[in-house]
N, C-alpha and C. Protein backbone atom coordinates (compact mmCIF):
# COMPACT_ATOMS: atom_id res chain seq x y z
N UNK A 1 -73.30 -12.74 85.39
CA UNK A 1 -72.07 -13.10 86.13
C UNK A 1 -72.12 -12.38 87.40
N UNK A 2 -72.10 -13.02 88.61
CA UNK A 2 -72.25 -12.51 89.80
C UNK A 2 -70.87 -11.99 90.29
N UNK A 3 -70.71 -10.92 90.99
CA UNK A 3 -69.52 -10.35 91.44
C UNK A 3 -69.51 -10.17 93.00
N UNK A 4 -68.53 -10.67 93.66
CA UNK A 4 -68.45 -10.46 95.12
C UNK A 4 -67.99 -8.89 95.35
N UNK A 5 -68.54 -8.34 96.46
CA UNK A 5 -68.38 -6.95 96.62
C UNK A 5 -67.36 -6.75 97.74
N UNK A 6 -67.43 -7.54 98.74
CA UNK A 6 -66.50 -7.38 99.89
C UNK A 6 -66.10 -8.68 100.37
N UNK A 7 -65.08 -8.65 101.17
CA UNK A 7 -64.45 -9.87 101.91
C UNK A 7 -65.50 -10.55 102.73
N UNK A 8 -65.42 -11.90 102.92
CA UNK A 8 -66.33 -12.57 103.76
C UNK A 8 -66.14 -12.11 105.26
N UNK A 9 -67.28 -12.16 106.07
CA UNK A 9 -67.09 -11.78 107.41
C UNK A 9 -67.16 -12.94 108.36
N UNK A 10 -66.93 -14.28 107.94
CA UNK A 10 -66.90 -15.40 108.66
C UNK A 10 -68.24 -15.70 109.51
N UNK A 11 -69.33 -15.05 109.08
CA UNK A 11 -70.52 -15.35 109.71
C UNK A 11 -71.09 -16.68 109.20
N UNK A 12 -71.95 -17.35 110.04
CA UNK A 12 -72.45 -18.64 109.56
C UNK A 12 -73.52 -18.32 108.37
N UNK A 13 -73.64 -19.19 107.45
CA UNK A 13 -74.54 -19.25 106.46
C UNK A 13 -75.90 -19.52 107.03
N UNK A 14 -77.03 -18.86 106.66
CA UNK A 14 -78.35 -19.15 107.28
C UNK A 14 -78.79 -20.59 106.98
N UNK A 15 -79.71 -21.09 107.88
CA UNK A 15 -80.14 -22.40 107.77
C UNK A 15 -80.98 -22.67 106.55
N UNK A 16 -81.65 -21.62 105.95
CA UNK A 16 -82.23 -21.71 104.62
C UNK A 16 -81.93 -20.54 103.89
N UNK A 17 -81.91 -20.58 102.46
CA UNK A 17 -81.63 -19.38 101.65
C UNK A 17 -81.99 -19.64 100.22
N UNK A 18 -82.07 -18.60 99.49
CA UNK A 18 -82.45 -18.75 97.97
C UNK A 18 -81.15 -18.05 97.32
N UNK A 19 -80.68 -18.73 96.33
CA UNK A 19 -79.62 -18.29 95.50
C UNK A 19 -79.97 -18.25 93.98
N UNK A 20 -79.25 -17.31 93.23
CA UNK A 20 -79.70 -17.12 91.88
C UNK A 20 -78.44 -16.81 91.01
N UNK A 21 -78.56 -17.15 89.80
CA UNK A 21 -77.50 -16.77 88.89
C UNK A 21 -78.03 -16.23 87.56
N UNK A 22 -77.32 -15.51 86.92
CA UNK A 22 -77.74 -14.95 85.54
C UNK A 22 -76.70 -15.30 84.46
N UNK A 23 -77.19 -15.39 83.30
CA UNK A 23 -76.47 -15.71 82.06
C UNK A 23 -75.60 -16.90 82.32
N UNK A 24 -76.00 -18.17 82.42
CA UNK A 24 -77.41 -18.57 82.20
C UNK A 24 -78.15 -18.52 83.55
N UNK A 25 -79.45 -18.34 83.50
CA UNK A 25 -80.45 -18.02 84.66
C UNK A 25 -80.64 -19.37 85.33
N UNK A 26 -80.43 -19.42 86.65
CA UNK A 26 -80.84 -20.41 87.54
C UNK A 26 -81.18 -20.03 88.84
N UNK A 27 -81.82 -20.79 89.65
CA UNK A 27 -82.06 -20.50 91.02
C UNK A 27 -82.11 -21.79 91.85
N UNK A 28 -81.73 -21.57 93.12
CA UNK A 28 -81.65 -22.67 94.15
C UNK A 28 -82.20 -22.27 95.34
N UNK A 29 -83.22 -22.97 95.99
CA UNK A 29 -83.73 -22.70 97.17
C UNK A 29 -83.38 -23.78 98.22
N UNK A 30 -82.68 -23.49 99.15
CA UNK A 30 -82.27 -24.70 100.23
C UNK A 30 -83.07 -24.50 101.62
N UNK A 31 -83.46 -25.57 101.95
CA UNK A 31 -84.20 -25.65 103.29
C UNK A 31 -84.20 -27.14 103.69
N UNK A 32 -83.90 -27.45 104.92
CA UNK A 32 -84.10 -28.95 105.46
C UNK A 32 -83.47 -29.96 104.61
N UNK A 33 -82.19 -29.86 104.14
CA UNK A 33 -81.57 -30.89 103.52
C UNK A 33 -81.91 -31.13 102.04
N UNK A 34 -82.56 -30.12 101.42
CA UNK A 34 -82.81 -30.21 100.09
C UNK A 34 -82.79 -28.90 99.37
N UNK A 35 -82.44 -29.07 98.07
CA UNK A 35 -82.40 -27.89 97.23
C UNK A 35 -83.47 -28.00 96.11
N UNK A 36 -84.18 -27.07 95.92
CA UNK A 36 -85.14 -26.98 94.70
C UNK A 36 -84.35 -26.20 93.70
N UNK A 37 -83.95 -26.91 92.61
CA UNK A 37 -83.19 -26.32 91.58
C UNK A 37 -83.99 -25.99 90.32
N UNK A 38 -83.99 -24.74 89.89
CA UNK A 38 -84.87 -24.20 88.79
C UNK A 38 -84.11 -23.58 87.67
N UNK A 39 -84.38 -23.83 86.48
CA UNK A 39 -83.84 -23.12 85.32
C UNK A 39 -85.05 -22.81 84.41
N UNK A 40 -84.71 -22.06 83.32
CA UNK A 40 -85.74 -21.73 82.49
C UNK A 40 -86.40 -23.03 81.83
N UNK A 41 -85.58 -24.12 81.62
CA UNK A 41 -86.11 -25.40 81.19
C UNK A 41 -86.82 -26.16 82.14
N UNK A 42 -86.58 -25.91 83.47
CA UNK A 42 -87.22 -26.53 84.61
C UNK A 42 -87.80 -25.59 85.62
N UNK A 43 -88.80 -24.70 85.03
CA UNK A 43 -89.39 -23.71 86.05
C UNK A 43 -89.99 -24.08 87.30
N UNK A 44 -90.51 -25.26 87.31
CA UNK A 44 -91.10 -25.77 88.53
C UNK A 44 -90.10 -26.35 89.48
N UNK A 45 -88.96 -26.56 89.15
CA UNK A 45 -87.81 -27.04 89.92
C UNK A 45 -87.73 -28.51 90.03
N UNK A 46 -86.58 -29.03 90.45
CA UNK A 46 -86.16 -30.27 90.52
C UNK A 46 -85.61 -30.37 92.00
N UNK A 47 -86.18 -31.38 92.73
CA UNK A 47 -85.65 -31.48 94.21
C UNK A 47 -84.23 -32.29 94.18
N UNK A 48 -83.29 -31.80 94.81
CA UNK A 48 -82.06 -32.38 94.99
C UNK A 48 -81.73 -32.68 96.42
N UNK A 49 -81.69 -33.87 96.94
CA UNK A 49 -81.28 -34.09 98.31
C UNK A 49 -79.82 -33.79 98.46
N UNK A 50 -79.44 -33.05 99.51
CA UNK A 50 -78.03 -32.58 99.74
C UNK A 50 -77.59 -32.87 101.09
N UNK A 51 -76.27 -32.90 101.20
CA UNK A 51 -75.57 -33.02 102.45
C UNK A 51 -75.01 -31.61 102.67
N UNK A 52 -75.10 -31.07 103.85
CA UNK A 52 -74.58 -29.74 104.13
C UNK A 52 -73.31 -29.92 105.08
N UNK A 53 -72.29 -29.23 104.76
CA UNK A 53 -71.13 -29.10 105.69
C UNK A 53 -70.84 -27.62 105.84
N UNK A 54 -70.75 -27.24 107.18
CA UNK A 54 -70.28 -25.81 107.48
C UNK A 54 -69.02 -25.86 108.15
N UNK A 55 -68.15 -24.85 107.52
CA UNK A 55 -66.86 -24.58 108.20
C UNK A 55 -66.34 -23.26 107.84
N UNK A 56 -65.75 -22.45 108.75
CA UNK A 56 -65.05 -21.20 108.44
C UNK A 56 -66.06 -20.13 107.78
N UNK A 57 -67.30 -20.18 108.22
CA UNK A 57 -68.33 -19.14 107.77
C UNK A 57 -68.84 -19.54 106.34
N UNK A 58 -68.56 -20.82 105.88
CA UNK A 58 -69.06 -21.22 104.56
C UNK A 58 -69.96 -22.53 104.77
N UNK A 59 -70.73 -22.68 103.76
CA UNK A 59 -71.52 -23.93 103.75
C UNK A 59 -71.23 -24.58 102.37
N UNK A 60 -71.14 -25.80 102.35
CA UNK A 60 -71.06 -26.59 101.05
C UNK A 60 -72.11 -27.56 101.08
N UNK A 61 -73.02 -27.57 100.12
CA UNK A 61 -74.05 -28.54 99.93
C UNK A 61 -73.72 -29.46 98.69
N UNK A 62 -73.80 -30.77 98.88
CA UNK A 62 -73.40 -31.62 97.82
C UNK A 62 -74.54 -32.66 97.55
N UNK A 63 -74.80 -33.04 96.45
CA UNK A 63 -75.75 -34.03 96.11
C UNK A 63 -75.63 -34.47 94.58
N UNK A 64 -76.73 -35.01 94.05
CA UNK A 64 -76.68 -35.50 92.60
C UNK A 64 -77.84 -34.99 91.89
N UNK A 65 -77.71 -34.38 90.77
CA UNK A 65 -78.77 -33.94 89.95
C UNK A 65 -78.71 -34.73 88.64
N UNK A 66 -79.80 -35.53 88.44
CA UNK A 66 -79.76 -36.48 87.21
C UNK A 66 -78.51 -37.15 86.99
N UNK A 67 -77.95 -37.70 87.99
CA UNK A 67 -76.72 -38.50 87.94
C UNK A 67 -75.39 -37.66 87.79
N UNK A 68 -75.52 -36.36 87.93
CA UNK A 68 -74.32 -35.57 87.86
C UNK A 68 -74.00 -35.00 89.14
N UNK A 69 -72.87 -34.77 89.55
CA UNK A 69 -72.41 -34.12 90.75
C UNK A 69 -72.82 -32.70 90.88
N UNK A 70 -73.50 -32.37 91.94
CA UNK A 70 -74.18 -31.16 92.21
C UNK A 70 -73.58 -30.57 93.52
N UNK A 71 -73.08 -29.24 93.46
CA UNK A 71 -72.56 -28.64 94.62
C UNK A 71 -72.91 -27.11 94.55
N UNK A 72 -73.18 -26.69 95.81
CA UNK A 72 -73.28 -25.21 96.06
C UNK A 72 -72.31 -24.91 97.11
N UNK A 73 -71.52 -23.92 96.97
CA UNK A 73 -70.54 -23.34 97.81
C UNK A 73 -71.07 -21.93 98.31
N UNK A 74 -71.44 -21.76 99.47
CA UNK A 74 -72.03 -20.41 99.93
C UNK A 74 -71.30 -19.78 101.09
N UNK A 75 -71.11 -18.47 101.00
CA UNK A 75 -70.44 -17.78 102.10
C UNK A 75 -71.08 -16.36 102.31
N UNK A 76 -71.03 -15.96 103.43
CA UNK A 76 -71.36 -14.60 103.83
C UNK A 76 -70.45 -13.64 103.20
N UNK A 77 -70.85 -13.04 101.94
CA UNK A 77 -70.03 -12.08 101.17
C UNK A 77 -71.08 -11.33 100.44
N UNK A 78 -70.96 -9.95 100.57
CA UNK A 78 -71.97 -9.18 99.68
C UNK A 78 -71.70 -9.39 98.33
N UNK A 79 -72.72 -9.35 97.44
CA UNK A 79 -72.59 -9.85 96.10
C UNK A 79 -73.52 -9.08 95.17
N UNK A 80 -73.14 -8.81 93.91
CA UNK A 80 -74.10 -8.27 92.97
C UNK A 80 -74.30 -9.09 91.89
N UNK A 81 -75.58 -9.15 91.45
CA UNK A 81 -75.91 -10.20 90.28
C UNK A 81 -75.43 -9.67 88.93
N UNK A 82 -74.92 -8.47 88.92
CA UNK A 82 -74.33 -7.96 87.70
C UNK A 82 -75.45 -7.47 86.69
N UNK A 83 -76.78 -7.65 87.06
CA UNK A 83 -77.74 -7.18 86.18
C UNK A 83 -78.77 -6.12 86.77
N UNK A 84 -78.60 -5.97 88.17
CA UNK A 84 -79.59 -5.00 88.92
C UNK A 84 -78.68 -4.35 89.85
N UNK A 85 -79.33 -3.38 90.51
CA UNK A 85 -78.63 -2.66 91.69
C UNK A 85 -78.79 -3.43 93.00
N UNK A 86 -79.38 -4.57 92.97
CA UNK A 86 -79.54 -5.40 94.23
C UNK A 86 -78.25 -5.85 94.64
N UNK A 87 -78.12 -5.66 96.02
CA UNK A 87 -76.89 -6.16 96.73
C UNK A 87 -77.41 -7.36 97.64
N UNK A 88 -76.81 -8.49 97.40
CA UNK A 88 -77.26 -9.68 98.23
C UNK A 88 -76.13 -10.07 99.39
N UNK A 89 -76.52 -10.53 100.44
CA UNK A 89 -75.55 -10.85 101.49
C UNK A 89 -74.81 -12.10 101.36
N UNK A 90 -75.10 -12.89 100.37
CA UNK A 90 -74.35 -14.23 100.09
C UNK A 90 -73.82 -14.34 98.78
N UNK A 91 -72.64 -14.90 98.73
CA UNK A 91 -72.03 -15.28 97.49
C UNK A 91 -72.04 -16.66 97.19
N UNK A 92 -72.46 -17.21 96.07
CA UNK A 92 -72.64 -18.63 95.83
C UNK A 92 -71.97 -19.10 94.49
N UNK A 93 -71.30 -20.12 94.61
CA UNK A 93 -70.67 -20.81 93.42
C UNK A 93 -71.39 -22.23 93.29
N UNK A 94 -71.99 -22.29 91.99
CA UNK A 94 -72.79 -23.56 91.68
C UNK A 94 -71.89 -24.41 90.78
N UNK A 95 -71.81 -25.70 91.12
CA UNK A 95 -71.08 -26.59 90.16
C UNK A 95 -71.97 -27.84 89.84
N UNK A 96 -72.05 -28.09 88.51
CA UNK A 96 -72.75 -29.35 88.08
C UNK A 96 -71.76 -29.96 87.19
N UNK A 97 -71.17 -31.12 87.75
CA UNK A 97 -69.95 -31.73 87.07
C UNK A 97 -68.94 -30.67 86.98
N UNK A 98 -68.46 -30.47 85.69
CA UNK A 98 -67.44 -29.44 85.56
C UNK A 98 -67.93 -28.01 85.10
N UNK A 99 -69.29 -27.88 85.13
CA UNK A 99 -69.88 -26.56 84.73
C UNK A 99 -69.95 -25.75 86.08
N UNK A 100 -69.31 -24.67 86.09
CA UNK A 100 -69.18 -23.85 87.33
C UNK A 100 -69.74 -22.44 86.87
N UNK A 101 -70.67 -21.92 87.78
CA UNK A 101 -71.34 -20.57 87.69
C UNK A 101 -71.39 -19.87 89.03
N UNK A 102 -71.19 -18.59 88.87
CA UNK A 102 -71.25 -17.69 90.16
C UNK A 102 -72.61 -17.22 90.33
N UNK A 103 -73.07 -17.04 91.56
CA UNK A 103 -74.30 -16.42 91.77
C UNK A 103 -74.39 -15.74 93.09
N UNK A 104 -75.58 -15.21 93.60
CA UNK A 104 -75.73 -14.51 94.78
C UNK A 104 -76.83 -15.23 95.53
N UNK A 105 -77.04 -14.74 96.70
CA UNK A 105 -78.12 -15.38 97.59
C UNK A 105 -78.60 -14.45 98.77
N UNK A 106 -79.68 -14.95 99.38
CA UNK A 106 -80.18 -14.28 100.45
C UNK A 106 -81.11 -15.17 101.22
């Protein structure tokens, strides 16, 4: 369970980033209009073509994963993954249909 540490600074989200979540474990690597989505069941990752919208220091990436609605909401906000002492510069919320998980990114 990822936890935001501070308020967002309204800085733009980088043009590429890597996000991760714990319990359940997942990762998402974004670059050039696509997300490589990985889980323990899909360690090599699945490519998800996404549309990116930026506003108010946030980025929203939307697409479809195996016919399900896929969305990443990313903002500049320091974040802890809840399992390590690592502090990340991005806070991420991942949605697949109605399943919502928080994560962190950099």
